[in-house]
Protein backbone atom coordinates (compact mmCIF):
# COMPACT_ATOMS: atom_id res chain seq x y z
CA MET A 1 -15.95 12.94 11.06
CA LYS A 2 -15.74 10.27 8.37
CA THR A 3 -14.32 11.19 4.99
CA GLN A 4 -17.09 9.61 2.91
CA SER A 5 -20.31 11.59 2.56
CA ASN A 6 -22.51 8.49 2.29
CA ILE A 7 -21.12 6.13 4.90
CA ASN A 8 -22.02 2.46 4.61
CA LEU A 9 -22.65 1.25 8.15
CA LYS A 10 -22.12 -2.41 7.21
CA ARG A 11 -18.85 -3.70 8.67
CA LYS A 12 -15.97 -3.59 6.20
CA THR A 13 -13.15 -6.09 6.42
CA ILE A 14 -9.79 -4.97 5.08
CA TYR A 15 -7.00 -7.47 4.43
CA LEU A 16 -3.53 -5.86 4.73
CA CYS A 17 -0.80 -7.83 2.98
CA GLY A 18 2.90 -7.25 3.67
CA ALA A 19 2.13 -4.92 6.56
CA GLY A 20 4.88 -3.27 8.56
CA GLY A 21 8.01 -4.31 6.69
CA LYS A 22 10.99 -5.83 8.50
CA GLY A 23 12.16 -3.67 11.38
CA ASN A 24 11.46 -0.49 9.42
CA ILE A 25 9.71 2.52 10.98
CA GLY A 26 8.70 3.86 7.57
CA ALA A 27 6.92 0.66 6.53
CA GLU A 28 5.23 0.53 9.95
CA ALA A 29 4.07 4.13 9.52
CA ILE A 30 2.55 3.23 6.14
CA MET A 31 0.58 0.38 7.71
CA LEU A 32 -0.67 2.52 10.61
CA SER A 33 -1.59 5.36 8.24
CA ILE A 34 -3.60 2.99 6.07
CA ILE A 35 -5.41 1.67 9.15
CA LYS A 36 -6.30 5.25 10.11
CA MET A 37 -7.49 6.00 6.56
CA PHE A 38 -10.00 3.16 6.70
CA GLN A 39 -11.06 3.92 10.28
CA ASP A 40 -11.77 7.52 9.27
CA ARG A 41 -13.68 6.34 6.22
CA TYR A 42 -15.94 3.65 7.72
CA GLU A 43 -17.96 3.48 10.95
CA ASP A 44 -17.23 -0.20 11.52
CA VAL A 45 -14.04 -1.67 10.10
CA HIS A 46 -12.20 -4.91 10.83
CA PHE A 47 -8.66 -5.75 9.69
CA ILE A 48 -6.92 -8.97 8.80
CA ILE A 49 -3.23 -8.11 8.99
CA ASN A 50 -0.50 -10.26 7.52
CA SER A 51 2.85 -9.02 8.79
CA TRP A 52 6.46 -10.16 8.70
CA TYR A 53 6.72 -9.47 12.45
CA PRO A 54 3.30 -9.99 14.12
CA ASP A 55 4.60 -9.42 17.67
CA ARG A 56 5.96 -5.99 16.73
CA ILE A 57 2.70 -5.06 15.00
CA ARG A 58 0.69 -6.16 18.04
CA GLU A 59 2.89 -3.87 20.15
CA LEU A 60 2.29 -0.92 17.77
CA LEU A 61 -1.48 -1.40 17.73
CA ALA A 62 -1.87 -1.65 21.51
CA PRO A 63 -1.79 2.12 22.28
CA LEU A 64 -3.99 3.22 19.36
CA ASP A 65 -7.54 4.47 19.75
CA GLY A 66 -10.15 1.97 18.65
CA ASP A 67 -11.22 -1.58 19.37
CA PHE A 68 -8.35 -3.84 18.32
CA THR A 69 -9.54 -6.96 20.10
CA ILE A 70 -11.07 -8.23 16.87
CA PHE A 71 -7.93 -7.84 14.78
CA SER A 72 -6.73 -10.97 13.04
CA LEU A 73 -2.93 -10.83 13.01
CA LYS A 74 -0.94 -13.44 11.10
CA ARG A 75 2.58 -13.88 9.77
CA GLU A 76 2.99 -12.85 6.13
CA SER A 77 3.29 -15.87 3.85
CA ILE A 78 2.89 -16.70 0.19
CA LEU A 79 0.85 -19.68 1.45
CA ALA A 80 -1.64 -17.51 3.38
CA ASN A 81 -4.97 -19.20 4.10
CA PRO A 82 -7.51 -18.26 1.38
CA VAL A 83 -10.30 -18.64 3.95
CA SER A 84 -9.04 -15.43 5.61
CA ILE A 85 -8.95 -13.67 2.24
CA ALA A 86 -12.52 -14.78 1.55
CA LYS A 87 -13.68 -12.86 4.65
CA ALA A 88 -12.35 -9.54 3.32
CA ASP A 89 -14.08 -6.87 1.27
CA VAL A 90 -10.82 -5.29 0.14
CA PHE A 91 -7.37 -6.84 -0.29
CA VAL A 92 -4.64 -4.20 0.14
CA ILE A 93 -0.98 -4.54 -0.71
CA CYS A 94 0.77 -2.06 1.59
CA GLY A 95 4.35 -3.24 1.08
CA ASP A 96 6.46 -0.11 0.60
CA VAL A 97 8.72 -1.79 -1.98
CA SER A 98 6.21 -4.23 -3.49
CA ILE A 99 6.92 -3.06 -7.05
CA SER A 100 10.66 -2.67 -6.71
CA GLU A 101 13.79 -4.70 -7.42
CA THR A 102 16.24 -2.61 -5.41
CA VAL A 103 15.73 -4.29 -2.03
CA VAL A 104 14.76 -7.88 -2.87
CA SER A 105 14.79 -8.64 -6.58
CA PHE A 106 11.74 -10.96 -6.68
CA LEU A 107 9.24 -8.85 -4.68
CA PRO A 108 7.00 -7.92 -7.67
CA MET A 109 6.57 -11.62 -8.45
CA TYR A 110 5.93 -12.42 -4.79
CA TYR A 111 3.15 -9.84 -4.49
CA ALA A 112 1.76 -10.82 -7.90
CA ILE A 113 1.27 -14.36 -6.58
CA ARG A 114 -0.31 -12.99 -3.39
CA THR A 115 -2.99 -11.17 -5.42
CA VAL A 116 -4.14 -14.24 -7.37
CA ALA A 117 -6.31 -15.73 -4.58
CA PRO A 118 -8.24 -12.50 -3.86
CA ARG A 119 -8.82 -12.02 -7.61
CA ILE A 120 -10.24 -15.54 -7.95
CA LEU A 121 -12.40 -14.90 -4.87
CA GLY A 122 -13.77 -11.69 -6.42
CA LYS A 123 -12.24 -9.24 -3.94
CA ARG A 124 -11.32 -5.61 -4.64
CA VAL A 125 -7.51 -5.60 -4.94
CA ILE A 126 -5.55 -2.38 -4.38
CA PHE A 127 -1.85 -1.55 -4.23
CA LEU A 128 -2.08 1.39 -1.85
CA GLY A 129 0.38 4.26 -1.37
CA ILE A 130 3.31 2.42 -2.91
CA GLU A 131 6.38 3.33 -4.93
CA ALA A 132 6.48 1.64 -8.35
CA GLU A 133 10.08 1.69 -9.49
CA LYS A 134 11.35 0.91 -12.97
CA ILE A 135 11.34 -2.88 -13.44
CA ASN A 136 13.99 -4.60 -15.57
CA ARG A 137 14.04 -8.31 -14.72
CA TRP A 138 12.04 -10.50 -17.10
CA MET A 139 10.40 -12.43 -14.23
CA ASN A 140 9.01 -9.23 -12.71
CA ILE A 141 7.98 -7.76 -16.07
CA PHE A 142 6.01 -10.98 -16.61
CA ALA A 143 4.48 -10.61 -13.13
CA LEU A 144 3.36 -7.06 -13.90
CA LYS A 145 2.04 -7.67 -17.42
CA TYR A 146 0.34 -11.02 -16.98
CA LEU A 147 -0.51 -11.29 -13.27
CA ILE A 148 -0.77 -7.93 -11.51
CA ARG A 149 -2.46 -6.28 -14.50
CA TRP A 150 -5.11 -9.03 -14.31
CA THR A 151 -5.44 -9.36 -10.53
CA THR A 152 -5.40 -5.72 -9.41
CA ASP A 153 -8.24 -3.22 -9.68
CA TYR A 154 -6.33 -0.08 -8.69
CA HIS A 155 -2.82 1.14 -8.01
CA VAL A 156 -2.86 4.18 -5.73
CA LEU A 157 0.66 5.48 -6.22
CA ARG A 158 2.57 8.13 -4.33
CA ASN A 159 4.17 10.05 -7.20
CA GLU A 160 3.96 10.77 -10.93
CA ARG A 161 7.15 8.83 -11.69
CA SER A 162 5.52 5.66 -10.31
CA LEU A 163 2.52 6.25 -12.57
CA ASP A 164 4.81 6.58 -15.59
CA ASN A 165 6.69 3.40 -14.68
CA LEU A 166 3.45 1.39 -14.70
CA ARG A 167 2.19 3.09 -17.87
CA HIS A 168 5.30 1.77 -19.61
CA VAL A 169 4.20 -1.76 -18.69
CA SER A 170 0.88 -1.16 -20.46
CA PHE A 171 -1.33 -0.65 -17.42
CA GLY A 172 -4.69 0.93 -18.26
CA GLU A 173 -5.13 4.55 -17.17
CA LYS A 174 -8.30 3.76 -15.22
CA SER A 175 -6.41 1.51 -12.82
CA LEU A 176 -3.69 4.10 -12.08
CA LEU A 177 -4.50 6.71 -9.44
CA LEU A 178 -2.25 9.41 -8.00
CA GLY A 179 -2.30 9.47 -4.21
CA CYS A 180 0.58 10.36 -1.93
CA GLU A 181 2.92 8.94 0.70
CA PRO A 182 0.40 7.44 3.22
CA SER A 183 2.01 9.00 6.31
CA LEU A 184 1.24 12.48 4.92
CA THR A 185 -2.49 11.76 5.41
CA LEU A 186 -2.25 11.48 9.19
CA SER A 187 -4.02 14.18 11.18
CA PRO A 188 -2.92 15.70 14.53
CA LYS A 189 -5.63 13.70 16.32
CA HIS A 190 -4.00 10.46 15.16
CA LEU A 191 -0.67 11.49 16.68
CA LYS A 192 -2.04 12.85 19.95
CA GLY A 193 -0.57 11.11 22.98
CA PHE A 194 2.53 9.92 21.13
CA GLU A 195 4.89 12.70 22.17
CA TYR A 196 8.49 11.67 22.76
CA HIS A 197 10.76 13.32 25.33
CA ASP A 198 14.50 12.86 25.69
CA ASP A 199 16.36 14.81 28.39
CA ARG A 200 19.56 14.76 26.30
CA ILE A 201 18.03 17.05 23.68
CA SER A 202 18.40 20.79 24.06
CA ASP A 203 15.44 23.16 24.20
CA SER A 204 17.52 26.13 23.07
CA LYS A 205 19.94 24.92 20.38
CA LEU A 206 19.35 24.57 16.66
CA LEU A 207 18.27 20.93 16.30
CA VAL A 208 19.38 19.11 13.16
CA GLY A 209 18.00 15.65 12.46
CA PHE A 210 19.81 12.96 10.49
CA GLY A 211 17.95 10.05 8.93
CA ILE A 212 20.72 7.62 8.10
CA ARG A 213 20.96 4.00 6.97
CA ASP A 214 23.39 1.31 5.86
CA PHE A 215 23.08 1.93 2.13
CA PHE A 216 23.39 -0.92 -0.36
CA SER A 217 23.29 -0.42 -4.13
CA THR A 218 22.63 -4.03 -5.17
CA SER A 219 19.54 -6.01 -4.21
CA LEU A 220 19.67 -8.63 -1.47
CA LYS A 221 19.80 -12.34 -2.30
CA VAL A 222 18.18 -15.34 -0.66
CA ASP A 223 20.32 -17.97 1.02
CA ILE A 224 18.23 -21.01 0.03
CA ILE A 225 19.88 -23.32 2.56
CA LYS A 226 19.32 -21.04 5.57
CA MET A 227 16.26 -19.29 4.09
CA LYS A 228 17.67 -15.89 4.98
CA LEU A 229 18.45 -12.73 3.05
CA ARG A 230 22.11 -11.98 2.37
CA ARG A 231 24.00 -8.98 0.98
CA ARG A 232 25.64 -9.26 -2.44
CA ASP A 233 28.07 -6.34 -2.09
CA VAL A 234 29.83 -7.00 1.26
CA PRO A 235 29.53 -9.63 4.01
CA THR A 236 26.90 -8.96 6.68
CA GLY A 237 28.32 -6.65 9.35
CA LEU A 238 30.59 -4.71 6.97
CA ILE A 239 29.97 -1.53 4.95
CA THR A 240 30.88 -0.55 1.39
CA LYS A 241 33.41 2.08 0.27
CA LYS A 242 30.52 4.30 -0.82
CA MET A 243 28.99 4.03 2.63
CA ARG A 244 32.29 5.17 4.13
CA GLN A 245 32.14 8.21 1.84
CA ILE A 246 28.62 8.97 3.06
CA ILE A 247 29.73 8.67 6.68
CA ARG A 248 32.57 11.17 6.16
CA PHE A 249 30.26 13.51 4.22
CA THR A 250 27.60 13.45 6.95
CA ALA A 251 30.19 14.04 9.68
CA SER A 252 31.42 17.11 7.75
CA ILE A 253 27.89 18.52 7.58
CA ALA A 254 27.36 17.94 11.31
CA ASP A 255 30.71 19.61 12.09
CA HIS A 256 29.78 22.65 9.96
CA LEU A 257 26.45 23.06 11.75
CA ILE A 258 28.07 22.75 15.18
CA GLU A 259 30.89 25.18 14.38
CA LYS A 260 28.75 27.84 12.70
CA TYR A 261 25.39 27.51 14.50
CA ASP A 262 26.19 25.69 17.76
CA ALA A 263 23.69 23.09 16.56
CA GLN A 264 22.88 19.77 18.19
CA PRO A 265 22.87 16.77 15.79
CA VAL A 266 20.16 14.21 16.47
CA PHE A 267 20.35 10.82 14.75
CA ILE A 268 16.96 9.16 14.33
CA PRO A 269 17.03 5.36 13.84
CA HIS A 270 14.37 4.09 11.43
CA HIS A 271 15.62 0.52 11.16
CA PHE A 272 16.51 -2.04 13.79
CA LEU A 273 16.33 -5.84 13.96
CA PRO A 274 17.60 -8.40 16.48
CA LYS A 275 21.13 -9.57 15.61
CA ARG A 276 19.92 -12.97 14.40
CA ASP A 277 17.69 -11.31 11.76
CA ARG A 278 20.08 -8.61 10.52
CA VAL A 279 21.12 -8.30 6.91
CA ILE A 280 22.34 -4.69 6.96
CA LEU A 281 23.64 -2.76 9.96
CA PRO A 282 21.04 -0.99 12.12
CA ASP A 283 20.84 2.79 11.79
CA CYS A 284 22.25 3.29 15.30
CA ASP A 285 25.50 1.57 14.27
CA ILE A 286 25.86 3.91 11.27
CA ALA A 287 25.12 6.89 13.55
CA GLU A 288 27.92 5.83 15.89
CA MET A 289 30.33 5.64 12.93
CA ILE A 290 29.38 9.18 11.91
CA ILE A 291 29.81 10.51 15.45
CA ASN A 292 33.23 8.85 15.65
CA GLU A 293 34.18 10.65 12.42
CA MET A 294 33.08 14.08 13.69
CA LYS A 295 35.62 16.61 15.01
CA LYS A 296 33.41 17.79 17.87
CA PRO A 297 30.75 15.15 18.57
CA ASN A 298 29.89 16.44 22.03
CA GLY A 299 26.14 16.78 22.37
CA ALA A 300 25.27 14.50 19.45
CA VAL A 301 22.35 12.23 20.32
CA ILE A 302 21.12 8.91 18.93
CA LEU A 303 17.45 8.31 19.71
CA LYS A 304 16.26 4.96 21.04
CA ASN A 305 15.65 2.08 18.65
CA ASN A 306 12.16 0.80 17.87
CA LEU A 307 10.17 3.81 19.01
CA HIS A 308 6.54 3.89 17.91
CA PRO A 309 6.31 5.42 14.39
CA PHE A 310 3.89 8.06 15.70
CA GLN A 311 6.46 9.08 18.33
CA ILE A 312 9.06 9.43 15.59
CA ILE A 313 6.76 11.54 13.40
CA ASN A 314 5.94 13.79 16.34
CA PHE A 315 9.62 14.16 17.19
CA TYR A 316 10.44 15.57 13.75
CA LYS A 317 8.27 18.56 14.68
CA ARG A 318 11.00 19.66 17.12
CA LEU A 319 13.69 19.81 14.46
CA ASP A 320 14.88 22.90 12.58
CA LEU A 321 16.51 21.09 9.68
CA VAL A 322 16.85 17.49 8.44
CA PHE A 323 19.38 15.59 6.33
CA SER A 324 18.28 12.24 5.09
CA MET A 325 19.28 9.08 3.29
CA ARG A 326 15.79 7.71 3.97
CA HIS A 327 12.52 8.34 2.15
CA HIS A 328 10.55 8.41 5.39
CA SER A 329 12.91 10.82 7.13
CA ASN A 330 12.15 13.18 4.27
CA SER A 331 8.42 12.40 4.48
CA PHE A 332 8.20 12.90 8.26
CA ALA A 333 10.10 16.20 8.01
CA TYR A 334 7.81 17.31 5.17
CA TYR A 335 4.74 16.35 7.22
CA ASN A 336 5.96 18.68 9.99
CA ALA A 337 6.98 21.46 7.55
CA VAL A 338 10.66 21.08 8.44
CA PRO A 339 13.14 21.92 5.62
CA THR A 340 14.96 18.78 4.53
CA PHE A 341 17.94 17.92 2.36
CA GLY A 342 17.80 14.52 0.70
CA TYR A 343 20.82 12.47 -0.28
CA GLY A 344 20.43 11.70 -3.99
CA ILE A 345 21.20 7.98 -3.72
CA SER A 346 17.93 6.17 -4.47
CA GLU A 347 14.99 6.34 -6.82
CA LYS A 348 12.56 6.82 -3.94
CA ILE A 349 14.37 9.94 -2.74
CA PHE A 350 14.65 11.42 -6.25
CA ASN A 351 10.94 10.77 -6.83
CA PHE A 352 9.86 12.31 -3.52
CA PHE A 353 11.79 15.53 -4.06
CA ASP A 354 10.56 15.75 -7.66
CA GLU A 355 6.94 15.21 -6.58
CA THR A 356 7.18 17.85 -3.84
CA GLY A 357 9.00 20.38 -6.04
CA GLN A 358 12.16 20.37 -3.93
CA ASN A 359 14.82 19.22 -6.38
CA ASN A 360 16.98 22.13 -5.23
CA LYS A 361 17.32 20.36 -1.87
CA LEU A 362 18.86 17.18 -3.26
CA ILE A 363 22.54 16.81 -2.42
CA ASP A 364 25.27 14.49 -3.65
CA PRO A 365 26.98 12.73 -0.71
CA TYR A 366 29.81 11.53 -2.93
CA LYS A 367 30.88 15.08 -3.78
CA PRO A 368 34.12 15.93 -1.93
CA GLU A 369 33.75 19.72 -2.31
CA MET A 370 31.66 20.99 0.61
CA SER A 371 31.65 24.78 0.07
CA GLU A 372 28.66 24.82 -2.31
CA ILE A 373 26.63 22.52 -0.03
CA LYS A 374 27.45 24.61 3.04
CA SER A 375 26.28 27.71 1.18
CA ARG A 376 22.95 26.00 0.36
CA ILE A 377 22.54 24.97 4.00
CA ASP A 378 23.13 28.55 5.13
CA GLU A 379 20.54 29.84 2.63
CA VAL A 380 17.88 27.36 3.79
CA LEU A 381 18.42 28.30 7.44
CA ARG A 382 18.04 31.99 6.56
CA SER A 383 14.76 31.21 4.78
CA LYS A 384 13.50 28.55 7.21
CA VAL A 385 10.29 30.33 8.26
CA LYS A 386 9.31 31.08 4.67
CA ILE A 387 10.03 27.50 3.56
CA SER A 388 7.98 26.05 6.44
CA LYS A 389 4.94 28.17 5.55
CA LYS A 390 5.14 26.93 1.95
CA LEU A 391 5.39 23.29 3.03
CA LYS A 392 2.35 23.60 5.33
CA ALA A 393 0.25 24.93 2.44
CA GLU A 394 1.37 22.21 0.03
CA ILE A 395 0.64 19.17 2.19
CA VAL A 396 -3.11 19.86 1.93
CA LYS A 397 -2.94 19.12 -1.82
CA PHE A 398 -1.42 15.69 -1.24
CA ARG A 399 -4.07 14.73 1.33
CA GLN A 400 -6.81 15.73 -1.10
CA GLN A 401 -5.18 13.62 -3.84
CA MET A 402 -5.16 10.56 -1.62
CA ASN A 403 -8.79 11.02 -0.51
CA GLN A 404 -9.95 11.42 -4.11
CA ALA A 405 -7.96 8.38 -5.21
CA LEU A 406 -9.47 6.28 -2.39
CA ASP A 407 -12.97 7.49 -3.26
CA THR A 408 -12.45 6.03 -6.75
CA ALA A 409 -10.67 2.85 -5.63
CA LEU A 410 -13.33 1.99 -3.03
CA LYS A 411 -16.43 3.01 -4.97
CA GLY A 412 -19.06 0.31 -4.73
CA VAL A 413 -17.32 -1.67 -1.97
């Protein structure tokens, strides 16, 4: 059943810009969720997808329901052909960090430039399901005030803090709509057939998932000569002192859960790139460091790299508890009504837990004293059934928010 009451049977063409991120399961899940939103909304929909890794996106689309033979799949570029844009009814920015300086400092300006052509061509322009972080650099403030405010019809944002951040840059209220994290809009039918089985994982033990990453606190820089991203804080292949603290902290949590509950830790990689393309370490490398730090690592499992995002989301359903440094680990756990503790290390994580009313489940990974955290873990496990019921009821509200926001953003298309 389509979500619009008065379906327009004319084919709609949706241009997805910045689709799928760079080796990131979360960004890929956003893209796939947006595709499903439009497929559920319109009888006949065609996509023009501009992605950083077209081959990976082609691989992800292959097993999905629907006719994907007509997809136009191109590599993301600031010099994208305007002829392709002219074919679209709606131009969608789906870059997870498109209004953010914490990953790559110039991304708001990049996406501002990308929206100029569709504006000139008279297309509906939407930033969809994104995080809008606080912007400080003059170049990006200029991009927001004098380009994006002109080029973009609607910003469908995933939390109230993002709305406030854009209000402070003088965006009109009519263009700001509260939606939600796109992956929360997926329905069970979308995920059917994407079950993931791993014989190493117990069917009887308490399963605890860990969404980890190589954390960096300063944005990446561009090596102009080699045209590659580089770290500012440490050379590629190394980790920071703070990351070492996080590794020790996470190992202590895993040890506590094994000793007290005979739990099985499961590390779930969300990020992986070929060695030639790496800027930060892949999640599996960080997981191995944590396992090496544990007192009793026997039974700890690291899932395969580059699983389909829908397999990953389905897998979270098997878990009893999650600890996460990643926004999408928290989101996927929330989607499956699994209690989750978030490491308070990034704006995205703070915003997600604030939006979902779970600030009491934020933890500080730099805190050496573990007794208070262990006590909170024990309390959550005692109340797990009650917490899960509450999460299942709340997710309906977020799906309704996104549908209502899309109804407004797409009206008249």
